[in-house]
Amino acid sequence: MQYNKVMPRDRATITQGFTEKIRTGCGNLYITVNYDEHGICEVFTNTGKAGGCPAQSEASARLATLALRANVDYDSIIRQLAGIRCPAAMRNENSQCLSCPDAIARALKKAIGYKQEEDNT
């Protein structure tokens, strides 16, 4: 049996976007969401000096980026990441999210709103 393969598009030379600082259970997580002429195209994370789980955050961001460039529906990506719980976030009452993947989902939701506003102006 042969399946159709989807290949992600190449990264644009120039992208636009924003970086959001979100408090997680392990400290601040900086999430950058960029878009190009085709839509949202990439996500980067940086845990800064706080520590946390930078490998997990980077892996989640890379997979989200791959899905975005392969034209996977935004809501499908967000549904997969939203609601994932981390014990550190549950213990920290100052946390703004349930986990680093949950924070990525929240940043993607925000980026969709920004992109729609920009497209309407």
PDB file of N, CA and C in Angstrom:
ATOM      1  N   MET A   1       0.844  -1.176   0.000  1.00  0.00           N
ATOM      2  CA  MET A   1       0.000   0.000   0.000  1.00  0.00           C
ATOM      3  C   MET A   1       0.892   1.243   0.000  1.00  0.00           C
ATOM      4  N   GLN A   2       0.569   2.181  -0.864  1.00  0.00           N
ATOM      5  CA  GLN A   2       1.339   3.407  -0.944  1.00  0.00           C
ATOM      6  C   GLN A   2       0.495   4.572  -0.447  1.00  0.00           C
ATOM      7  N   TYR A   3       1.098   5.415   0.356  1.00  0.00           N
ATOM      8  CA  TYR A   3       0.412   6.578   0.900  1.00  0.00           C
ATOM      9  C   TYR A   3       0.929   7.830   0.214  1.00  0.00           C
ATOM     10  N   ASN A   4       0.065   8.833   0.107  1.00  0.00           N
ATOM     11  CA  ASN A   4       0.512  10.126  -0.399  1.00  0.00           C
ATOM     12  C   ASN A   4       1.339  10.797   0.685  1.00  0.00           C
ATOM     13  N   LYS A   5       2.477  11.319   0.303  1.00  0.00           N
ATOM     14  CA  LYS A   5       3.346  11.999   1.261  1.00  0.00           C
ATOM     15  C   LYS A   5       3.168  13.502   1.138  1.00  0.00           C
ATOM     16  N   VAL A   6       3.189  14.155   2.261  1.00  0.00           N
ATOM     17  CA  VAL A   6       3.102  15.607   2.309  1.00  0.00           C
ATOM     18  C   VAL A   6       4.474  16.120   2.692  1.00  0.00           C
ATOM     19  N   MET A   7       4.977  17.037   1.909  1.00  0.00           N
ATOM     20  CA  MET A   7       6.281  17.630   2.196  1.00  0.00           C
ATOM     21  C   MET A   7       6.077  19.068   2.660  1.00  0.00           C
ATOM     22  N   PRO A   8       6.744  19.458   3.731  1.00  0.00           N
ATOM     23  CA  PRO A   8       6.598  20.843   4.201  1.00  0.00           C
ATOM     24  C   PRO A   8       7.241  21.820   3.221  1.00  0.00           C
ATOM     25  N   ARG A   9       6.672  23.013   3.148  1.00  0.00           N
ATOM     26  CA  ARG A   9       7.257  24.037   2.282  1.00  0.00           C
ATOM     27  C   ARG A   9       8.551  24.545   2.894  1.00  0.00           C
ATOM     28  N   ASP A  10       9.390  25.130   2.068  1.00  0.00           N
ATOM     29  CA  ASP A  10      10.642  25.709   2.549  1.00  0.00           C
ATOM     30  C   ASP A  10      10.354  26.954   3.373  1.00  0.00           C
ATOM     31  N   ARG A  11      11.304  27.289   4.214  1.00  0.00           N
ATOM     32  CA  ARG A  11      11.181  28.495   5.019  1.00  0.00           C
ATOM     33  C   ARG A  11      11.389  29.711   4.127  1.00  0.00           C
ATOM     34  N   ALA A  12      10.559  30.718   4.318  1.00  0.00           N
ATOM     35  CA  ALA A  12      10.717  31.970   3.585  1.00  0.00           C
ATOM     36  C   ALA A  12      11.976  32.688   4.067  1.00  0.00           C
ATOM     37  N   THR A  13      12.547  33.493   3.227  1.00  0.00           N
ATOM     38  CA  THR A  13      13.743  34.254   3.598  1.00  0.00           C
ATOM     39  C   THR A  13      13.428  35.276   4.679  1.00  0.00           C
ATOM     40  N   ILE A  14      12.263  35.906   4.565  1.00  0.00           N
ATOM     41  CA  ILE A  14      11.841  36.911   5.546  1.00  0.00           C
ATOM     42  C   ILE A  14      10.480  36.507   6.105  1.00  0.00           C
ATOM     43  N   THR A  15      10.364  36.537   7.430  1.00  0.00           N
ATOM     44  CA  THR A  15       9.100  36.267   8.096  1.00  0.00           C
ATOM     45  C   THR A  15       8.801  37.409   9.062  1.00  0.00           C
ATOM     46  N   GLN A  16       7.562  37.470   9.512  1.00  0.00           N
ATOM     47  CA  GLN A  16       7.145  38.443  10.516  1.00  0.00           C
ATOM     48  C   GLN A  16       6.527  37.676  11.662  1.00  0.00           C
ATOM     49  N   GLY A  17       6.501  38.278  12.834  1.00  0.00           N
ATOM     50  CA  GLY A  17       5.864  37.598  13.947  1.00  0.00           C
ATOM     51  C   GLY A  17       6.033  38.333  15.252  1.00  0.00           C
ATOM     52  N   PHE A  18       5.911  37.596  16.333  1.00  0.00           N
ATOM     53  CA  PHE A  18       6.034  38.180  17.662  1.00  0.00           C
ATOM     54  C   PHE A  18       6.612  37.147  18.617  1.00  0.00           C
ATOM     55  N   THR A  19       7.135  37.649  19.712  1.00  0.00           N
ATOM     56  CA  THR A  19       7.631  36.795  20.786  1.00  0.00           C
ATOM     57  C   THR A  19       6.834  37.124  22.032  1.00  0.00           C
ATOM     58  N   GLU A  20       6.333  36.083  22.678  1.00  0.00           N
ATOM     59  CA  GLU A  20       5.546  36.253  23.892  1.00  0.00           C
ATOM     60  C   GLU A  20       6.265  35.592  25.063  1.00  0.00           C
ATOM     61  N   LYS A  21       6.256  36.265  26.191  1.00  0.00           N
ATOM     62  CA  LYS A  21       6.821  35.719  27.422  1.00  0.00           C
ATOM     63  C   LYS A  21       5.679  35.124  28.236  1.00  0.00           C
ATOM     64  N   ILE A  22       5.785  33.827  28.538  1.00  0.00           N
ATOM     65  CA  ILE A  22       4.747  33.140  29.305  1.00  0.00           C
ATOM     66  C   ILE A  22       5.395  32.478  30.517  1.00  0.00           C
ATOM     67  N   ARG A  23       4.809  32.678  31.685  1.00  0.00           N
ATOM     68  CA  ARG A  23       5.310  32.030  32.898  1.00  0.00           C
ATOM     69  C   ARG A  23       4.849  30.577  32.923  1.00  0.00           C
ATOM     70  N   THR A  24       5.795  29.667  32.989  1.00  0.00           N
ATOM     71  CA  THR A  24       5.486  28.243  33.101  1.00  0.00           C
ATOM     72  C   THR A  24       5.820  27.789  34.514  1.00  0.00           C
ATOM     73  N   GLY A  25       5.656  26.530  34.787  1.00  0.00           N
ATOM     74  CA  GLY A  25       5.994  25.988  36.094  1.00  0.00           C
ATOM     75  C   GLY A  25       7.480  26.047  36.394  1.00  0.00           C
ATOM     76  N   CYS A  26       8.297  26.151  35.354  1.00  0.00           N
ATOM     77  CA  CYS A  26       9.758  26.151  35.522  1.00  0.00           C
ATOM     78  C   CYS A  26      10.377  27.526  35.337  1.00  0.00           C
ATOM     79  N   GLY A  27       9.588  28.520  35.086  1.00  0.00           N
ATOM     80  CA  GLY A  27      10.113  29.866  34.824  1.00  0.00           C
ATOM     81  C   GLY A  27       9.527  30.409  33.536  1.00  0.00           C
ATOM     82  N   ASN A  28      10.142  31.430  32.988  1.00  0.00           N
ATOM     83  CA  ASN A  28       9.629  32.062  31.780  1.00  0.00           C
ATOM     84  C   ASN A  28       9.972  31.245  30.541  1.00  0.00           C
ATOM     85  N   LEU A  29       9.025  31.174  29.645  1.00  0.00           N
ATOM     86  CA  LEU A  29       9.227  30.561  28.342  1.00  0.00           C
ATOM     87  C   LEU A  29       8.933  31.643  27.315  1.00  0.00           C
ATOM     88  N   TYR A  30       9.870  31.877  26.415  1.00  0.00           N
ATOM     89  CA  TYR A  30       9.707  32.866  25.357  1.00  0.00           C
ATOM     90  C   TYR A  30       9.347  32.107  24.082  1.00  0.00           C
ATOM     91  N   ILE A  31       8.180  32.414  23.529  1.00  0.00           N
ATOM     92  CA  ILE A  31       7.682  31.716  22.349  1.00  0.00           C
ATOM     93  C   ILE A  31       7.588  32.715  21.205  1.00  0.00           C
ATOM     94  N   THR A  32       8.281  32.410  20.120  1.00  0.00           N
ATOM     95  CA  THR A  32       8.230  33.235  18.909  1.00  0.00           C
ATOM     96  C   THR A  32       7.397  32.500  17.872  1.00  0.00           C
ATOM     97  N   VAL A  33       6.391  33.178  17.338  1.00  0.00           N
ATOM     98  CA  VAL A  33       5.543  32.634  16.279  1.00  0.00           C
ATOM     99  C   VAL A  33       5.702  33.557  15.073  1.00  0.00           C
ATOM    100  N   ASN A  34       6.118  32.982  13.953  1.00  0.00           N
ATOM    101  CA  ASN A  34       6.327  33.753  12.728  1.00  0.00           C
ATOM    102  C   ASN A  34       5.374  33.301  11.638  1.00  0.00           C
ATOM    103  N   TYR A  35       5.121  34.207  10.715  1.00  0.00           N
ATOM    104  CA  TYR A  35       4.293  33.887   9.562  1.00  0.00           C
ATOM    105  C   TYR A  35       4.900  34.489   8.308  1.00  0.00           C
ATOM    106  N   ASP A  36       4.521  33.904   7.178  1.00  0.00           N
ATOM    107  CA  ASP A  36       4.949  34.392   5.879  1.00  0.00           C
ATOM    108  C   ASP A  36       3.706  34.628   5.026  1.00  0.00           C
ATOM    109  N   GLU A  37       3.878  34.769   3.727  1.00  0.00           N
ATOM    110  CA  GLU A  37       2.730  35.072   2.861  1.00  0.00           C
ATOM    111  C   GLU A  37       1.708  33.934   2.803  1.00  0.00           C
ATOM    112  N   HIS A  38       2.076  32.741   3.259  1.00  0.00           N
ATOM    113  CA  HIS A  38       1.162  31.598   3.245  1.00  0.00           C
ATOM    114  C   HIS A  38       0.439  31.395   4.574  1.00  0.00           C
ATOM    115  N   GLY A  39       0.884  32.063   5.622  1.00  0.00           N
ATOM    116  CA  GLY A  39       0.273  31.902   6.942  1.00  0.00           C
ATOM    117  C   GLY A  39       1.321  31.654   8.007  1.00  0.00           C
ATOM    118  N   ILE A  40       0.889  31.196   9.150  1.00  0.00           N
ATOM    119  CA  ILE A  40       1.818  30.903  10.244  1.00  0.00           C
ATOM    120  C   ILE A  40       2.734  29.780   9.789  1.00  0.00           C
ATOM    121  N   CYS A  41       4.047  29.977   9.991  1.00  0.00           N
ATOM    122  CA  CYS A  41       4.991  29.026   9.398  1.00  0.00           C
ATOM    123  C   CYS A  41       6.011  28.454  10.369  1.00  0.00           C
ATOM    124  N   GLU A  42       6.163  29.025  11.560  1.00  0.00           N
ATOM    125  CA  GLU A  42       7.172  28.470  12.457  1.00  0.00           C
ATOM    126  C   GLU A  42       6.975  28.932  13.893  1.00  0.00           C
ATOM    127  N   VAL A  43       7.489  28.102  14.801  1.00  0.00           N
ATOM    128  CA  VAL A  43       7.437  28.381  16.233  1.00  0.00           C
ATOM    129  C   VAL A  43       8.825  28.097  16.800  1.00  0.00           C
ATOM    130  N   PHE A  44       9.323  29.018  17.614  1.00  0.00           N
ATOM    131  CA  PHE A  44      10.582  28.826  18.330  1.00  0.00           C
ATOM    132  C   PHE A  44      10.332  29.021  19.815  1.00  0.00           C
ATOM    133  N   THR A  45      11.048  28.297  20.645  1.00  0.00           N
ATOM    134  CA  THR A  45      10.955  28.501  22.094  1.00  0.00           C
ATOM    135  C   THR A  45      12.335  28.716  22.672  1.00  0.00           C
ATOM    136  N   ASN A  46      12.365  29.470  23.753  1.00  0.00           N
ATOM    137  CA  ASN A  46      13.597  29.699  24.487  1.00  0.00           C
ATOM    138  C   ASN A  46      13.228  29.755  25.966  1.00  0.00           C
ATOM    139  N   THR A  47      13.887  28.933  26.770  1.00  0.00           N
ATOM    140  CA  THR A  47      13.578  28.913  28.198  1.00  0.00           C
ATOM    141  C   THR A  47      14.361  29.954  28.976  1.00  0.00           C
ATOM    142  N   GLY A  48      15.257  30.670  28.334  1.00  0.00           N
ATOM    143  CA  GLY A  48      16.036  31.684  29.024  1.00  0.00           C
ATOM    144  C   GLY A  48      16.897  31.060  30.104  1.00  0.00           C
ATOM    145  N   LYS A  49      17.081  31.758  31.193  1.00  0.00           N
ATOM    146  CA  LYS A  49      17.935  31.294  32.287  1.00  0.00           C
ATOM    147  C   LYS A  49      17.195  30.417  33.280  1.00  0.00           C
ATOM    148  N   ALA A  50      15.897  30.304  33.111  1.00  0.00           N
ATOM    149  CA  ALA A  50      15.079  29.642  34.122  1.00  0.00           C
ATOM    150  C   ALA A  50      15.276  28.134  34.185  1.00  0.00           C
ATOM    151  N   GLY A  51      15.788  27.551  33.133  1.00  0.00           N
ATOM    152  CA  GLY A  51      15.930  26.094  33.134  1.00  0.00           C
ATOM    153  C   GLY A  51      14.720  25.462  32.504  1.00  0.00           C
ATOM    154  N   GLY A  52      14.042  24.634  33.240  1.00  0.00           N
ATOM    155  CA  GLY A  52      12.872  23.970  32.691  1.00  0.00           C
ATOM    156  C   GLY A  52      13.272  22.800  31.820  1.00  0.00           C
ATOM    157  N   CYS A  53      12.495  22.544  30.827  1.00  0.00           N
ATOM    158  CA  CYS A  53      12.750  21.408  29.935  1.00  0.00           C
ATOM    159  C   CYS A  53      12.945  21.920  28.513  1.00  0.00           C
ATOM    160  N   PRO A  54      14.100  22.523  28.217  1.00  0.00           N
ATOM    161  CA  PRO A  54      14.295  23.125  26.902  1.00  0.00           C
ATOM    162  C   PRO A  54      14.200  22.119  25.755  1.00  0.00           C
ATOM    163  N   ALA A  55      14.628  20.891  25.972  1.00  0.00           N
ATOM    164  CA  ALA A  55      14.551  19.896  24.896  1.00  0.00           C
ATOM    165  C   ALA A  55      13.098  19.587  24.552  1.00  0.00           C
ATOM    166  N   GLN A  56      12.256  19.434  25.549  1.00  0.00           N
ATOM    167  CA  GLN A  56      10.831  19.158  25.312  1.00  0.00           C
ATOM    168  C   GLN A  56      10.165  20.331  24.608  1.00  0.00           C
ATOM    169  N   SER A  57      10.475  21.535  25.034  1.00  0.00           N
ATOM    170  CA  SER A  57       9.893  22.721  24.408  1.00  0.00           C
ATOM    171  C   SER A  57      10.337  22.845  22.960  1.00  0.00           C
ATOM    172  N   GLU A  58      11.628  22.628  22.715  1.00  0.00           N
ATOM    173  CA  GLU A  58      12.137  22.716  21.352  1.00  0.00           C
ATOM    174  C   GLU A  58      11.525  21.640  20.460  1.00  0.00           C
ATOM    175  N   ALA A  59      11.392  20.434  20.976  1.00  0.00           N
ATOM    176  CA  ALA A  59      10.788  19.349  20.194  1.00  0.00           C
ATOM    177  C   ALA A  59       9.341  19.686  19.834  1.00  0.00           C
ATOM    178  N   SER A  60       8.590  20.199  20.794  1.00  0.00           N
ATOM    179  CA  SER A  60       7.199  20.573  20.520  1.00  0.00           C
ATOM    180  C   SER A  60       7.127  21.672  19.462  1.00  0.00           C
ATOM    181  N   ALA A  61       8.007  22.651  19.567  1.00  0.00           N
ATOM    182  CA  ALA A  61       8.027  23.758  18.605  1.00  0.00           C
ATOM    183  C   ALA A  61       8.437  23.266  17.213  1.00  0.00           C
ATOM    184  N   ARG A  62       9.423  22.380  17.147  1.00  0.00           N
ATOM    185  CA  ARG A  62       9.860  21.863  15.838  1.00  0.00           C
ATOM    186  C   ARG A  62       8.757  21.065  15.159  1.00  0.00           C
ATOM    187  N   LEU A  63       8.066  20.238  15.922  1.00  0.00           N
ATOM    188  CA  LEU A  63       6.983  19.453  15.333  1.00  0.00           C
ATOM    189  C   LEU A  63       5.815  20.348  14.910  1.00  0.00           C
ATOM    190  N   ALA A  64       5.527  21.368  15.701  1.00  0.00           N
ATOM    191  CA  ALA A  64       4.475  22.317  15.309  1.00  0.00           C
ATOM    192  C   ALA A  64       4.882  23.037  14.028  1.00  0.00           C
ATOM    193  N   THR A  65       6.144  23.435  13.924  1.00  0.00           N
ATOM    194  CA  THR A  65       6.646  24.096  12.718  1.00  0.00           C
ATOM    195  C   THR A  65       6.516  23.185  11.502  1.00  0.00           C
ATOM    196  N   LEU A  66       6.902  21.936  11.653  1.00  0.00           N
ATOM    197  CA  LEU A  66       6.790  20.978  10.555  1.00  0.00           C
ATOM    198  C   LEU A  66       5.333  20.856  10.100  1.00  0.00           C
ATOM    199  N   ALA A  67       4.432  20.744  11.058  1.00  0.00           N
ATOM    200  CA  ALA A  67       3.009  20.637  10.728  1.00  0.00           C
ATOM    201  C   ALA A  67       2.494  21.908  10.049  1.00  0.00           C
ATOM    202  N   LEU A  68       2.921  23.073  10.538  1.00  0.00           N
ATOM    203  CA  LEU A  68       2.484  24.334   9.943  1.00  0.00           C
ATOM    204  C   LEU A  68       2.940  24.446   8.498  1.00  0.00           C
ATOM    205  N   ARG A  69       4.185  24.101   8.238  1.00  0.00           N
ATOM    206  CA  ARG A  69       4.722  24.204   6.871  1.00  0.00           C
ATOM    207  C   ARG A  69       4.147  23.129   5.950  1.00  0.00           C
ATOM    208  N   ALA A  70       3.580  22.066   6.523  1.00  0.00           N
ATOM    209  CA  ALA A  70       2.931  21.024   5.718  1.00  0.00           C
ATOM    210  C   ALA A  70       1.445  21.320   5.541  1.00  0.00           C
ATOM    211  N   ASN A  71       1.034  22.520   5.964  1.00  0.00           N
ATOM    212  CA  ASN A  71      -0.334  23.005   5.795  1.00  0.00           C
ATOM    213  C   ASN A  71      -1.360  22.228   6.620  1.00  0.00           C
ATOM    214  N   VAL A  72      -0.942  21.734   7.789  1.00  0.00           N
ATOM    215  CA  VAL A  72      -1.891  21.107   8.704  1.00  0.00           C
ATOM    216  C   VAL A  72      -2.745  22.222   9.310  1.00  0.00           C
ATOM    217  N   ASP A  73      -4.009  21.970   9.448  1.00  0.00           N
ATOM    218  CA  ASP A  73      -4.967  22.922   9.999  1.00  0.00           C
ATOM    219  C   ASP A  73      -4.499  23.425  11.364  1.00  0.00           C
ATOM    220  N   TYR A  74      -4.543  24.748  11.560  1.00  0.00           N
ATOM    221  CA  TYR A  74      -4.113  25.349  12.829  1.00  0.00           C
ATOM    222  C   TYR A  74      -4.810  24.731  14.029  1.00  0.00           C
ATOM    223  N   ASP A  75      -6.120  24.596  13.923  1.00  0.00           N
ATOM    224  CA  ASP A  75      -6.888  24.078  15.061  1.00  0.00           C
ATOM    225  C   ASP A  75      -6.484  22.654  15.419  1.00  0.00           C
ATOM    226  N   SER A  76      -6.112  21.863  14.441  1.00  0.00           N
ATOM    227  CA  SER A  76      -5.667  20.488  14.718  1.00  0.00           C
ATOM    228  C   SER A  76      -4.376  20.487  15.525  1.00  0.00           C
ATOM    229  N   ILE A  77      -3.466  21.380  15.185  1.00  0.00           N
ATOM    230  CA  ILE A  77      -2.196  21.484  15.921  1.00  0.00           C
ATOM    231  C   ILE A  77      -2.475  21.956  17.347  1.00  0.00           C
ATOM    232  N   ILE A  78      -3.291  22.985  17.467  1.00  0.00           N
ATOM    233  CA  ILE A  78      -3.614  23.540  18.789  1.00  0.00           C
ATOM    234  C   ILE A  78      -4.293  22.493  19.666  1.00  0.00           C
ATOM    235  N   ARG A  79      -5.230  21.739  19.105  1.00  0.00           N
ATOM    236  CA  ARG A  79      -5.919  20.703  19.894  1.00  0.00           C
ATOM    237  C   ARG A  79      -4.942  19.651  20.420  1.00  0.00           C
ATOM    238  N   GLN A  80      -3.914  19.327  19.662  1.00  0.00           N
ATOM    239  CA  GLN A  80      -2.945  18.331  20.112  1.00  0.00           C
ATOM    240  C   GLN A  80      -2.086  18.847  21.260  1.00  0.00           C
ATOM    241  N   LEU A  81      -1.792  20.137  21.275  1.00  0.00           N
ATOM    242  CA  LEU A  81      -0.891  20.714  22.286  1.00  0.00           C
ATOM    243  C   LEU A  81      -1.620  21.257  23.513  1.00  0.00           C
ATOM    244  N   ALA A  82      -2.810  21.789  23.305  1.00  0.00           N
ATOM    245  CA  ALA A  82      -3.554  22.425  24.399  1.00  0.00           C
ATOM    246  C   ALA A  82      -3.981  21.388  25.436  1.00  0.00           C
ATOM    247  N   GLY A  83      -3.859  21.778  26.684  1.00  0.00           N
ATOM    248  CA  GLY A  83      -4.343  20.923  27.766  1.00  0.00           C
ATOM    249  C   GLY A  83      -3.341  19.919  28.296  1.00  0.00           C
ATOM    250  N   ILE A  84      -2.169  19.809  27.662  1.00  0.00           N
ATOM    251  CA  ILE A  84      -1.135  18.915  28.197  1.00  0.00           C
ATOM    252  C   ILE A  84      -0.690  19.486  29.539  1.00  0.00           C
ATOM    253  N   ARG A  85      -0.630  18.642  30.548  1.00  0.00           N
ATOM    254  CA  ARG A  85      -0.320  19.100  31.905  1.00  0.00           C
ATOM    255  C   ARG A  85       1.078  18.679  32.331  1.00  0.00           C
ATOM    256  N   CYS A  86       1.745  19.587  33.024  1.00  0.00           N
ATOM    257  CA  CYS A  86       3.083  19.357  33.571  1.00  0.00           C
ATOM    258  C   CYS A  86       2.994  19.480  35.092  1.00  0.00           C
ATOM    259  N   PRO A  87       3.597  18.546  35.823  1.00  0.00           N
ATOM    260  CA  PRO A  87       3.551  18.639  37.290  1.00  0.00           C
ATOM    261  C   PRO A  87       4.118  19.949  37.830  1.00  0.00           C
ATOM    262  N   ALA A  88       5.164  20.476  37.188  1.00  0.00           N
ATOM    263  CA  ALA A  88       5.764  21.731  37.664  1.00  0.00           C
ATOM    264  C   ALA A  88       4.761  22.883  37.561  1.00  0.00           C
ATOM    265  N   ALA A  89       3.993  22.914  36.491  1.00  0.00           N
ATOM    266  CA  ALA A  89       2.997  23.975  36.320  1.00  0.00           C
ATOM    267  C   ALA A  89       1.862  23.830  37.325  1.00  0.00           C
ATOM    268  N   MET A  90       1.520  22.601  37.663  1.00  0.00           N
ATOM    269  CA  MET A  90       0.441  22.368  38.619  1.00  0.00           C
ATOM    270  C   MET A  90       0.856  22.820  40.024  1.00  0.00           C
ATOM    271  N   ARG A  91       2.143  22.696  40.336  1.00  0.00           N
ATOM    272  CA  ARG A  91       2.640  23.090  41.658  1.00  0.00           C
ATOM    273  C   ARG A  91       2.874  24.590  41.780  1.00  0.00           C
ATOM    274  N   ASN A  92       3.062  25.276  40.644  1.00  0.00           N
ATOM    275  CA  ASN A  92       3.415  26.692  40.659  1.00  0.00           C
ATOM    276  C   ASN A  92       2.169  27.533  40.384  1.00  0.00           C
ATOM    277  N   GLU A  93       1.687  28.236  41.394  1.00  0.00           N
ATOM    278  CA  GLU A  93       0.459  29.025  41.240  1.00  0.00           C
ATOM    279  C   GLU A  93       0.648  30.241  40.332  1.00  0.00           C
ATOM    280  N   ASN A  94       1.893  30.621  40.040  1.00  0.00           N
ATOM    281  CA  ASN A  94       2.152  31.757  39.156  1.00  0.00           C
ATOM    282  C   ASN A  94       2.187  31.366  37.681  1.00  0.00           C
ATOM    283  N   SER A  95       2.079  30.089  37.394  1.00  0.00           N
ATOM    284  CA  SER A  95       2.131  29.610  36.018  1.00  0.00           C
ATOM    285  C   SER A  95       0.926  30.105  35.232  1.00  0.00           C
ATOM    286  N   GLN A  96       1.162  30.556  33.996  1.00  0.00           N
ATOM    287  CA  GLN A  96       0.090  31.052  33.127  1.00  0.00           C
ATOM    288  C   GLN A  96      -0.441  29.961  32.200  1.00  0.00           C
ATOM    289  N   CYS A  97       0.101  28.764  32.299  1.00  0.00           N
ATOM    290  CA  CYS A  97      -0.278  27.695  31.382  1.00  0.00           C
ATOM    291  C   CYS A  97      -0.173  26.353  32.108  1.00  0.00           C
ATOM    292  N   LEU A  98      -0.605  25.301  31.451  1.00  0.00           N
ATOM    293  CA  LEU A  98      -0.555  23.959  32.037  1.00  0.00           C
ATOM    294  C   LEU A  98       0.775  23.258  31.779  1.00  0.00           C
ATOM    295  N   SER A  99       1.501  23.695  30.736  1.00  0.00           N
ATOM    296  CA  SER A  99       2.780  23.086  30.355  1.00  0.00           C
ATOM    297  C   SER A  99       3.385  23.922  29.230  1.00  0.00           C
ATOM    298  N   CYS A 100       4.593  23.576  28.820  1.00  0.00           N
ATOM    299  CA  CYS A 100       5.205  24.268  27.682  1.00  0.00           C
ATOM    300  C   CYS A 100       4.430  24.011  26.386  1.00  0.00           C
ATOM    301  N   PRO A 101       4.020  22.769  26.083  1.00  0.00           N
ATOM    302  CA  PRO A 101       3.199  22.579  24.882  1.00  0.00           C
ATOM    303  C   PRO A 101       1.877  23.358  24.945  1.00  0.00           C
ATOM    304  N   ASP A 102       1.270  23.435  26.118  1.00  0.00           N
ATOM    305  CA  ASP A 102       0.051  24.219  26.278  1.00  0.00           C
ATOM    306  C   ASP A 102       0.330  25.693  25.998  1.00  0.00           C
ATOM    307  N   ALA A 103       1.484  26.193  26.437  1.00  0.00           N
ATOM    308  CA  ALA A 103       1.866  27.586  26.169  1.00  0.00           C
ATOM    309  C   ALA A 103       2.038  27.815  24.667  1.00  0.00           C
ATOM    310  N   ILE A 104       2.593  26.843  23.961  1.00  0.00           N
ATOM    311  CA  ILE A 104       2.752  26.959  22.507  1.00  0.00           C
ATOM    312  C   ILE A 104       1.372  27.037  21.857  1.00  0.00           C
ATOM    313  N   ALA A 105       0.440  26.222  22.310  1.00  0.00           N
ATOM    314  CA  ALA A 105      -0.921  26.255  21.764  1.00  0.00           C
ATOM    315  C   ALA A 105      -1.544  27.634  21.982  1.00  0.00           C
ATOM    316  N   ARG A 106      -1.346  28.201  23.151  1.00  0.00           N
ATOM    317  CA  ARG A 106      -1.902  29.523  23.447  1.00  0.00           C
ATOM    318  C   ARG A 106      -1.284  30.595  22.545  1.00  0.00           C
ATOM    319  N   ALA A 107       0.033  30.508  22.328  1.00  0.00           N
ATOM    320  CA  ALA A 107       0.707  31.477  21.457  1.00  0.00           C
ATOM    321  C   ALA A 107       0.221  31.331  20.011  1.00  0.00           C
ATOM    322  N   LEU A 108      -0.009  30.103  19.563  1.00  0.00           N
ATOM    323  CA  LEU A 108      -0.533  29.890  18.210  1.00  0.00           C
ATOM    324  C   LEU A 108      -1.930  30.498  18.063  1.00  0.00           C
ATOM    325  N   LYS A 109      -2.773  30.321  19.081  1.00  0.00           N
ATOM    326  CA  LYS A 109      -4.112  30.924  19.046  1.00  0.00           C
ATOM    327  C   LYS A 109      -4.011  32.442  18.909  1.00  0.00           C
ATOM    328  N   LYS A 110      -3.110  33.024  19.683  1.00  0.00           N
ATOM    329  CA  LYS A 110      -2.920  34.476  19.637  1.00  0.00           C
ATOM    330  C   LYS A 110      -2.420  34.891  18.250  1.00  0.00           C
ATOM    331  N   ALA A 111      -1.502  34.119  17.677  1.00  0.00           N
ATOM    332  CA  ALA A 111      -0.950  34.441  16.358  1.00  0.00           C
ATOM    333  C   ALA A 111      -2.028  34.388  15.285  1.00  0.00           C
ATOM    334  N   ILE A 112      -2.944  33.463  15.397  1.00  0.00           N
ATOM    335  CA  ILE A 112      -4.045  33.369  14.429  1.00  0.00           C
ATOM    336  C   ILE A 112      -4.856  34.667  14.461  1.00  0.00           C
ATOM    337  N   GLY A 113      -5.120  35.168  15.659  1.00  0.00           N
ATOM    338  CA  GLY A 113      -5.859  36.431  15.799  1.00  0.00           C
ATOM    339  C   GLY A 113      -5.094  37.596  15.208  1.00  0.00           C
ATOM    340  N   TYR A 114      -3.785  37.680  15.457  1.00  0.00           N
ATOM    341  CA  TYR A 114      -2.979  38.765  14.905  1.00  0.00           C
ATOM    342  C   TYR A 114      -2.943  38.697  13.380  1.00  0.00           C
ATOM    343  N   LYS A 115      -2.771  37.497  12.859  1.00  0.00           N
ATOM    344  CA  LYS A 115      -2.691  37.328  11.409  1.00  0.00           C
ATOM    345  C   LYS A 115      -4.022  37.718  10.757  1.00  0.00           C
ATOM    346  N   GLN A 116      -5.147  37.345  11.362  1.00  0.00           N
ATOM    347  CA  GLN A 116      -6.457  37.687  10.811  1.00  0.00           C
ATOM    348  C   GLN A 116      -6.686  39.197  10.853  1.00  0.00           C
ATOM    349  N   GLU A 117      -6.259  39.842  11.947  1.00  0.00           N
ATOM    350  CA  GLU A 117      -6.393  41.310  12.042  1.00  0.00           C
ATOM    351  C   GLU A 117      -5.575  41.985  10.959  1.00  0.00           C
ATOM    352  N   GLU A 118      -4.349  41.510  10.744  1.00  0.00           N
ATOM    353  CA  GLU A 118      -3.469  42.109   9.737  1.00  0.00           C
ATOM    354  C   GLU A 118      -4.042  41.922   8.342  1.00  0.00           C
ATOM    355  N   ASP A 119      -4.606  40.745   8.072  1.00  0.00           N
ATOM    356  CA  ASP A 119      -5.191  40.467   6.769  1.00  0.00           C
ATOM    357  C   ASP A 119      -6.414  41.337   6.491  1.00  0.00           C
ATOM    358  N   ASN A 120      -7.110  41.762   7.550  1.00  0.00           N
ATOM    359  CA  ASN A 120      -8.319  42.564   7.395  1.00  0.00           C
ATOM    360  C   ASN A 120      -8.032  44.067   7.292  1.00  0.00           C
ATOM    361  N   THR A 121      -6.781  44.471   7.505  1.00  0.00           N
ATOM    362  CA  THR A 121      -6.474  45.901   7.428  1.00  0.00           C
ATOM    363  C   THR A 121      -5.881  46.271   6.102  1.00  0.00           C
TER     364      THR A 121
END
